[in-house]
Amino acid sequence: MAKSVRQAPPPASAVRTRRAYFDCRFGQLHVRTAFPATGGFDEQVPLFCVHPSSASSRVFGAFLASIADRRSIYAPDLPGFGESDAPAAGALGAGAAAIQDLASDLRLRRIDVLAFADGCGVALDLCSAAPELVRRLVLVGAGGIDRLASIATPCLVLRIGADAKARAVDPPAHVEIASAPEYGEDLFEAAPQAVAKACAAFLDRGA
């Protein structure tokens, strides 16, 4: 049975947020970041957030401070979106490639990934291209989960809105499903602490 995600009180510990630019193979990548109050000495694996094609990393603005109490967060504007440089015409897999470049620049060997709406396709591309890099995956508003059978990365699928009310298909063994039917595209603005709590419960389990 799908679990329900409910709103939770905001975390007590303060975090530091900022914006920065990093170089990638497509030019400059604009990234929103948030760090634990400990100054970046993470207790958990860093989390990368992937926005949908209808938005930019701005969609995660309220969420970053809610999830970064024990881990560093990186939310890039994918190439061609927000304030990041656009890739050359016809560049395939630009989003996944840019995330790989960012992780390499930061000297990170393992990351967790959260993706929203059609940004989930970018996250799945990344899992296929660099399975050794992605430790755990959270897909929010992903729609179908057909592609999850082709990867082995432990995954949490958070179903929202009308999709959450529909009957869920039986997921592969490495996939968990949770539901937030009361939220839709406004989820990260309306209930950032609730999403953070659901993500942390899944991501903090360890390897």
C-alpha atoms as a PDB file:
ATOM      1  CA  MET A   1       0.000   0.000   0.000  1.00  0.00           C
ATOM      2  CA  ALA A   2       1.298   3.434  -0.895  1.00  0.00           C
ATOM      3  CA  LYS A   3       2.366   5.608   2.005  1.00  0.00           C
ATOM      4  CA  SER A   4       0.946   9.117   2.426  1.00  0.00           C
ATOM      5  CA  VAL A   5       3.202  12.157   2.698  1.00  0.00           C
ATOM      6  CA  ARG A   6       2.066  14.755   5.229  1.00  0.00           C
ATOM      7  CA  GLN A   7       3.282  18.235   6.048  1.00  0.00           C
ATOM      8  CA  ALA A   8       5.920  18.416   8.805  1.00  0.00           C
ATOM      9  CA  PRO A   9       7.250  21.328  10.884  1.00  0.00           C
ATOM     10  CA  PRO A  10      10.334  23.107   9.499  1.00  0.00           C
ATOM     11  CA  PRO A  11      13.743  21.878  10.650  1.00  0.00           C
ATOM     12  CA  ALA A  12      15.224  23.695  13.609  1.00  0.00           C
ATOM     13  CA  SER A  13      18.824  23.921  12.358  1.00  0.00           C
ATOM     14  CA  ALA A  14      19.789  26.754  10.004  1.00  0.00           C
ATOM     15  CA  VAL A  15      21.460  26.098   6.669  1.00  0.00           C
ATOM     16  CA  ARG A  16      23.497  28.284   4.332  1.00  0.00           C
ATOM     17  CA  THR A  17      22.205  28.879   0.794  1.00  0.00           C
ATOM     18  CA  ARG A  18      23.923  30.563  -2.118  1.00  0.00           C
ATOM     19  CA  ARG A  19      24.318  30.489  -5.900  1.00  0.00           C
ATOM     20  CA  ALA A  20      27.416  29.776  -7.942  1.00  0.00           C
ATOM     21  CA  TYR A  21      28.653  29.013 -11.457  1.00  0.00           C
ATOM     22  CA  PHE A  22      30.602  25.911 -12.464  1.00  0.00           C
ATOM     23  CA  ASP A  23      32.219  25.011 -15.777  1.00  0.00           C
ATOM     24  CA  CYS A  24      30.876  22.045 -17.721  1.00  0.00           C
ATOM     25  CA  ARG A  25      31.338  20.788 -21.272  1.00  0.00           C
ATOM     26  CA  PHE A  26      28.494  23.072 -22.448  1.00  0.00           C
ATOM     27  CA  GLY A  27      29.800  26.276 -20.857  1.00  0.00           C
ATOM     28  CA  GLN A  28      28.803  27.699 -17.498  1.00  0.00           C
ATOM     29  CA  LEU A  29      26.336  25.917 -15.246  1.00  0.00           C
ATOM     30  CA  HIS A  30      24.358  28.018 -12.765  1.00  0.00           C
ATOM     31  CA  VAL A  31      23.799  26.128  -9.495  1.00  0.00           C
ATOM     32  CA  ARG A  32      21.769  26.859  -6.366  1.00  0.00           C
ATOM     33  CA  THR A  33      23.366  25.300  -3.308  1.00  0.00           C
ATOM     34  CA  ALA A  34      22.552  24.736   0.354  1.00  0.00           C
ATOM     35  CA  PHE A  35      24.907  23.494   3.054  1.00  0.00           C
ATOM     36  CA  PRO A  36      24.473  22.216   6.625  1.00  0.00           C
ATOM     37  CA  ALA A  37      25.114  24.637   9.463  1.00  0.00           C
ATOM     38  CA  THR A  38      28.218  22.549  10.211  1.00  0.00           C
ATOM     39  CA  GLY A  39      29.889  24.286   7.273  1.00  0.00           C
ATOM     40  CA  GLY A  40      29.644  21.534   4.698  1.00  0.00           C
ATOM     41  CA  PHE A  41      30.867  18.615   6.798  1.00  0.00           C
ATOM     42  CA  ASP A  42      28.052  16.424   5.579  1.00  0.00           C
ATOM     43  CA  GLU A  43      26.606  13.589   7.594  1.00  0.00           C
ATOM     44  CA  GLN A  44      24.974  12.184   4.454  1.00  0.00           C
ATOM     45  CA  VAL A  45      25.612  11.821   0.721  1.00  0.00           C
ATOM     46  CA  PRO A  46      25.151  15.113  -1.222  1.00  0.00           C
ATOM     47  CA  LEU A  47      21.842  15.473  -3.062  1.00  0.00           C
ATOM     48  CA  PHE A  48      21.485  16.809  -6.621  1.00  0.00           C
ATOM     49  CA  CYS A  49      18.057  18.189  -7.627  1.00  0.00           C
ATOM     50  CA  VAL A  50      16.859  18.064 -11.257  1.00  0.00           C
ATOM     51  CA  HIS A  51      14.165  20.530 -12.334  1.00  0.00           C
ATOM     52  CA  PRO A  52      11.456  19.980 -14.994  1.00  0.00           C
ATOM     53  CA  SER A  53      11.721  21.479 -18.483  1.00  0.00           C
ATOM     54  CA  SER A  54       8.982  23.988 -17.615  1.00  0.00           C
ATOM     55  CA  ALA A  55      11.109  25.568 -14.868  1.00  0.00           C
ATOM     56  CA  SER A  56      14.626  26.075 -13.513  1.00  0.00           C
ATOM     57  CA  SER A  57      16.358  25.326 -10.224  1.00  0.00           C
ATOM     58  CA  ARG A  58      14.261  28.158  -8.760  1.00  0.00           C
ATOM     59  CA  VAL A  59      11.463  25.595  -8.276  1.00  0.00           C
ATOM     60  CA  PHE A  60      13.523  24.084  -5.427  1.00  0.00           C
ATOM     61  CA  GLY A  61      14.070  27.418  -3.628  1.00  0.00           C
ATOM     62  CA  ALA A  62      12.057  26.621  -0.489  1.00  0.00           C
ATOM     63  CA  PHE A  63      13.009  22.949  -0.545  1.00  0.00           C
ATOM     64  CA  LEU A  64      16.779  23.477  -0.377  1.00  0.00           C
ATOM     65  CA  ALA A  65      16.746  24.913   3.138  1.00  0.00           C
ATOM     66  CA  SER A  66      14.373  22.161   4.288  1.00  0.00           C
ATOM     67  CA  ILE A  67      16.572  19.234   3.214  1.00  0.00           C
ATOM     68  CA  ALA A  68      20.093  20.609   3.771  1.00  0.00           C
ATOM     69  CA  ASP A  69      20.309  20.119   7.538  1.00  0.00           C
ATOM     70  CA  ARG A  70      22.665  17.144   7.202  1.00  0.00           C
ATOM     71  CA  ARG A  71      23.726  17.083   3.542  1.00  0.00           C
ATOM     72  CA  SER A  72      24.939  19.476   0.873  1.00  0.00           C
ATOM     73  CA  ILE A  73      22.435  20.184  -1.900  1.00  0.00           C
ATOM     74  CA  TYR A  74      23.162  21.156  -5.505  1.00  0.00           C
ATOM     75  CA  ALA A  75      20.330  22.263  -7.806  1.00  0.00           C
ATOM     76  CA  PRO A  76      21.711  23.188 -11.247  1.00  0.00           C
ATOM     77  CA  ASP A  77      19.914  25.014 -14.013  1.00  0.00           C
ATOM     78  CA  LEU A  78      20.251  22.358 -16.711  1.00  0.00           C
ATOM     79  CA  PRO A  79      22.032  23.477 -19.916  1.00  0.00           C
ATOM     80  CA  GLY A  80      19.809  25.898 -21.816  1.00  0.00           C
ATOM     81  CA  PHE A  81      17.588  26.652 -18.824  1.00  0.00           C
ATOM     82  CA  GLY A  82      17.603  29.419 -16.228  1.00  0.00           C
ATOM     83  CA  GLU A  83      20.996  31.104 -16.144  1.00  0.00           C
ATOM     84  CA  SER A  84      23.054  28.221 -17.564  1.00  0.00           C
ATOM     85  CA  ASP A  85      24.631  28.288 -21.015  1.00  0.00           C
ATOM     86  CA  ALA A  86      22.827  26.365 -23.743  1.00  0.00           C
ATOM     87  CA  PRO A  87      24.347  23.271 -25.350  1.00  0.00           C
ATOM     88  CA  ALA A  88      25.074  23.100 -29.058  1.00  0.00           C
ATOM     89  CA  ALA A  89      22.085  22.178 -31.200  1.00  0.00           C
ATOM     90  CA  GLY A  90      21.453  18.457 -31.228  1.00  0.00           C
ATOM     91  CA  ALA A  91      23.437  17.690 -28.066  1.00  0.00           C
ATOM     92  CA  LEU A  92      21.964  14.503 -26.649  1.00  0.00           C
ATOM     93  CA  GLY A  93      21.853  13.814 -22.928  1.00  0.00           C
ATOM     94  CA  ALA A  94      23.059  17.325 -22.073  1.00  0.00           C
ATOM     95  CA  GLY A  95      21.359  17.351 -18.677  1.00  0.00           C
ATOM     96  CA  ALA A  96      22.853  14.064 -17.499  1.00  0.00           C
ATOM     97  CA  ALA A  97      26.282  14.982 -18.900  1.00  0.00           C
ATOM     98  CA  ALA A  98      26.267  18.358 -17.139  1.00  0.00           C
ATOM     99  CA  ILE A  99      25.428  16.705 -13.813  1.00  0.00           C
ATOM    100  CA  GLN A 100      28.309  14.275 -14.293  1.00  0.00           C
ATOM    101  CA  ASP A 101      30.626  17.220 -14.969  1.00  0.00           C
ATOM    102  CA  LEU A 102      29.385  19.018 -11.850  1.00  0.00           C
ATOM    103  CA  ALA A 103      29.921  15.958  -9.649  1.00  0.00           C
ATOM    104  CA  SER A 104      33.414  15.518 -11.114  1.00  0.00           C
ATOM    105  CA  ASP A 105      34.264  19.186 -10.542  1.00  0.00           C
ATOM    106  CA  LEU A 106      33.172  18.804  -6.909  1.00  0.00           C
ATOM    107  CA  ARG A 107      35.191  15.559  -6.634  1.00  0.00           C
ATOM    108  CA  LEU A 108      32.147  13.578  -5.590  1.00  0.00           C
ATOM    109  CA  ARG A 109      32.243   9.851  -6.171  1.00  0.00           C
ATOM    110  CA  ARG A 110      28.665   9.173  -5.018  1.00  0.00           C
ATOM    111  CA  ILE A 111      25.564  11.346  -5.082  1.00  0.00           C
ATOM    112  CA  ASP A 112      21.853  10.984  -4.469  1.00  0.00           C
ATOM    113  CA  VAL A 113      19.465  12.477  -7.044  1.00  0.00           C
ATOM    114  CA  LEU A 114      15.974  13.948  -6.760  1.00  0.00           C
ATOM    115  CA  ALA A 115      14.095  14.793  -9.962  1.00  0.00           C
ATOM    116  CA  PHE A 116      10.754  16.468 -10.572  1.00  0.00           C
ATOM    117  CA  ALA A 117       8.232  15.854 -13.398  1.00  0.00           C
ATOM    118  CA  ASP A 118       9.969  15.406 -16.774  1.00  0.00           C
ATOM    119  CA  GLY A 119      13.300  16.070 -15.060  1.00  0.00           C
ATOM    120  CA  CYS A 120      12.936  12.425 -14.023  1.00  0.00           C
ATOM    121  CA  GLY A 121      13.972  11.450 -17.554  1.00  0.00           C
ATOM    122  CA  VAL A 122      17.287  13.279 -17.066  1.00  0.00           C
ATOM    123  CA  ALA A 123      17.816  11.471 -13.763  1.00  0.00           C
ATOM    124  CA  LEU A 124      17.167   8.103 -15.389  1.00  0.00           C
ATOM    125  CA  ASP A 125      19.572   8.984 -18.204  1.00  0.00           C
ATOM    126  CA  LEU A 126      22.182   9.725 -15.540  1.00  0.00           C
ATOM    127  CA  CYS A 127      21.573   6.392 -13.792  1.00  0.00           C
ATOM    128  CA  SER A 128      22.010   4.583 -17.103  1.00  0.00           C
ATOM    129  CA  ALA A 129      25.135   6.520 -18.112  1.00  0.00           C
ATOM    130  CA  ALA A 130      26.854   6.523 -14.710  1.00  0.00           C
ATOM    131  CA  PRO A 131      25.318   3.847 -12.437  1.00  0.00           C
ATOM    132  CA  GLU A 132      28.373   3.942 -10.188  1.00  0.00           C
ATOM    133  CA  LEU A 133      27.750   7.638  -9.439  1.00  0.00           C
ATOM    134  CA  VAL A 134      24.103   7.575  -8.320  1.00  0.00           C
ATOM    135  CA  ARG A 135      23.542   5.860  -4.966  1.00  0.00           C
ATOM    136  CA  ARG A 136      19.811   6.522  -4.492  1.00  0.00           C
ATOM    137  CA  LEU A 137      17.116   8.147  -6.625  1.00  0.00           C
ATOM    138  CA  VAL A 138      13.900  10.033  -5.777  1.00  0.00           C
ATOM    139  CA  LEU A 139      11.411  10.670  -8.593  1.00  0.00           C
ATOM    140  CA  VAL A 140       8.568  13.130  -7.902  1.00  0.00           C
ATOM    141  CA  GLY A 141       5.597  13.264 -10.267  1.00  0.00           C
ATOM    142  CA  ALA A 142       7.321  10.879 -12.643  1.00  0.00           C
ATOM    143  CA  GLY A 143       4.241   9.442 -14.302  1.00  0.00           C
ATOM    144  CA  GLY A 144       5.011   5.975 -15.643  1.00  0.00           C
ATOM    145  CA  ILE A 145       7.789   3.897 -14.104  1.00  0.00           C
ATOM    146  CA  ASP A 146       8.501   1.637 -17.078  1.00  0.00           C
ATOM    147  CA  ARG A 147      12.147   2.719 -17.373  1.00  0.00           C
ATOM    148  CA  LEU A 148      12.897   1.831 -13.750  1.00  0.00           C
ATOM    149  CA  ALA A 149      13.148  -1.827 -14.686  1.00  0.00           C
ATOM    150  CA  SER A 150      16.264  -0.999 -16.735  1.00  0.00           C
ATOM    151  CA  ILE A 151      18.250   0.383 -13.778  1.00  0.00           C
ATOM    152  CA  ALA A 152      19.277  -1.120 -10.438  1.00  0.00           C
ATOM    153  CA  THR A 153      19.483   2.113  -8.420  1.00  0.00           C
ATOM    154  CA  PRO A 154      17.304   2.039  -5.263  1.00  0.00           C
ATOM    155  CA  CYS A 155      14.445   4.430  -5.978  1.00  0.00           C
ATOM    156  CA  LEU A 156      11.557   6.191  -4.238  1.00  0.00           C
ATOM    157  CA  VAL A 157       8.686   7.285  -6.496  1.00  0.00           C
ATOM    158  CA  LEU A 158       6.507  10.036  -5.003  1.00  0.00           C
ATOM    159  CA  ARG A 159       3.174  10.172  -6.820  1.00  0.00           C
ATOM    160  CA  ILE A 160       1.297  13.485  -6.645  1.00  0.00           C
ATOM    161  CA  GLY A 161      -2.098  14.880  -7.584  1.00  0.00           C
ATOM    162  CA  ALA A 162      -4.424  12.788  -9.741  1.00  0.00           C
ATOM    163  CA  ASP A 163      -1.646  10.293 -10.486  1.00  0.00           C
ATOM    164  CA  ALA A 164      -1.442   9.473  -6.765  1.00  0.00           C
ATOM    165  CA  LYS A 165      -5.135   8.538  -6.714  1.00  0.00           C
ATOM    166  CA  ALA A 166      -4.834   6.080  -9.594  1.00  0.00           C
ATOM    167  CA  ARG A 167      -4.070   2.441  -8.909  1.00  0.00           C
ATOM    168  CA  ALA A 168      -0.316   1.894  -8.743  1.00  0.00           C
ATOM    169  CA  VAL A 169       1.258  -0.911 -10.714  1.00  0.00           C
ATOM    170  CA  ASP A 170       3.471  -3.343  -8.858  1.00  0.00           C
ATOM    171  CA  PRO A 171       6.952  -1.757  -8.858  1.00  0.00           C
ATOM    172  CA  PRO A 172      10.259  -3.582  -9.318  1.00  0.00           C
ATOM    173  CA  ALA A 173      11.895  -4.823  -6.097  1.00  0.00           C
ATOM    174  CA  HIS A 174      14.290  -1.849  -5.897  1.00  0.00           C
ATOM    175  CA  VAL A 175      11.462   0.709  -6.153  1.00  0.00           C
ATOM    176  CA  GLU A 176       9.270   2.104  -3.353  1.00  0.00           C
ATOM    177  CA  ILE A 177       6.136   4.183  -3.905  1.00  0.00           C
ATOM    178  CA  ALA A 178       4.705   6.960  -1.698  1.00  0.00           C
ATOM    179  CA  SER A 179       1.745   9.241  -2.398  1.00  0.00           C
ATOM    180  CA  ALA A 180       0.813  12.884  -1.857  1.00  0.00           C
ATOM    181  CA  PRO A 181      -2.579  13.202  -3.618  1.00  0.00           C
ATOM    182  CA  GLU A 182      -3.274  16.586  -2.019  1.00  0.00           C
ATOM    183  CA  TYR A 183      -0.397  18.234  -3.919  1.00  0.00           C
ATOM    184  CA  GLY A 184       0.344  18.773  -7.592  1.00  0.00           C
ATOM    185  CA  GLU A 185       2.858  20.952  -9.412  1.00  0.00           C
ATOM    186  CA  ASP A 186       2.909  23.261  -6.368  1.00  0.00           C
ATOM    187  CA  LEU A 187       4.391  20.554  -4.132  1.00  0.00           C
ATOM    188  CA  PHE A 188       7.841  22.084  -3.594  1.00  0.00           C
ATOM    189  CA  GLU A 189       6.325  25.474  -2.686  1.00  0.00           C
ATOM    190  CA  ALA A 190       3.335  24.225  -0.673  1.00  0.00           C
ATOM    191  CA  ALA A 191       4.994  21.439   1.314  1.00  0.00           C
ATOM    192  CA  PRO A 192       8.805  21.597   1.119  1.00  0.00           C
ATOM    193  CA  GLN A 193       9.230  20.197   4.639  1.00  0.00           C
ATOM    194  CA  ALA A 194       6.963  17.239   3.866  1.00  0.00           C
ATOM    195  CA  VAL A 195       8.979  16.360   0.769  1.00  0.00           C
ATOM    196  CA  ALA A 196      12.217  16.797   2.711  1.00  0.00           C
ATOM    197  CA  LYS A 197      10.998  14.434   5.423  1.00  0.00           C
ATOM    198  CA  ALA A 198       9.963  11.759   2.919  1.00  0.00           C
ATOM    199  CA  CYS A 199      13.259  12.071   1.039  1.00  0.00           C
ATOM    200  CA  ALA A 200      15.395  11.971   4.179  1.00  0.00           C
ATOM    201  CA  ALA A 201      13.629   8.859   5.467  1.00  0.00           C
ATOM    202  CA  PHE A 202      14.554   7.099   2.218  1.00  0.00           C
ATOM    203  CA  LEU A 203      18.005   8.555   1.604  1.00  0.00           C
ATOM    204  CA  ASP A 204      19.321   8.245   5.166  1.00  0.00           C
ATOM    205  CA  ARG A 205      19.084   4.461   5.280  1.00  0.00           C
ATOM    206  CA  GLY A 206      22.666   4.060   4.172  1.00  0.00           C
ATOM    207  CA  ALA A 207      24.245   2.242   1.261  1.00  0.00           C
END
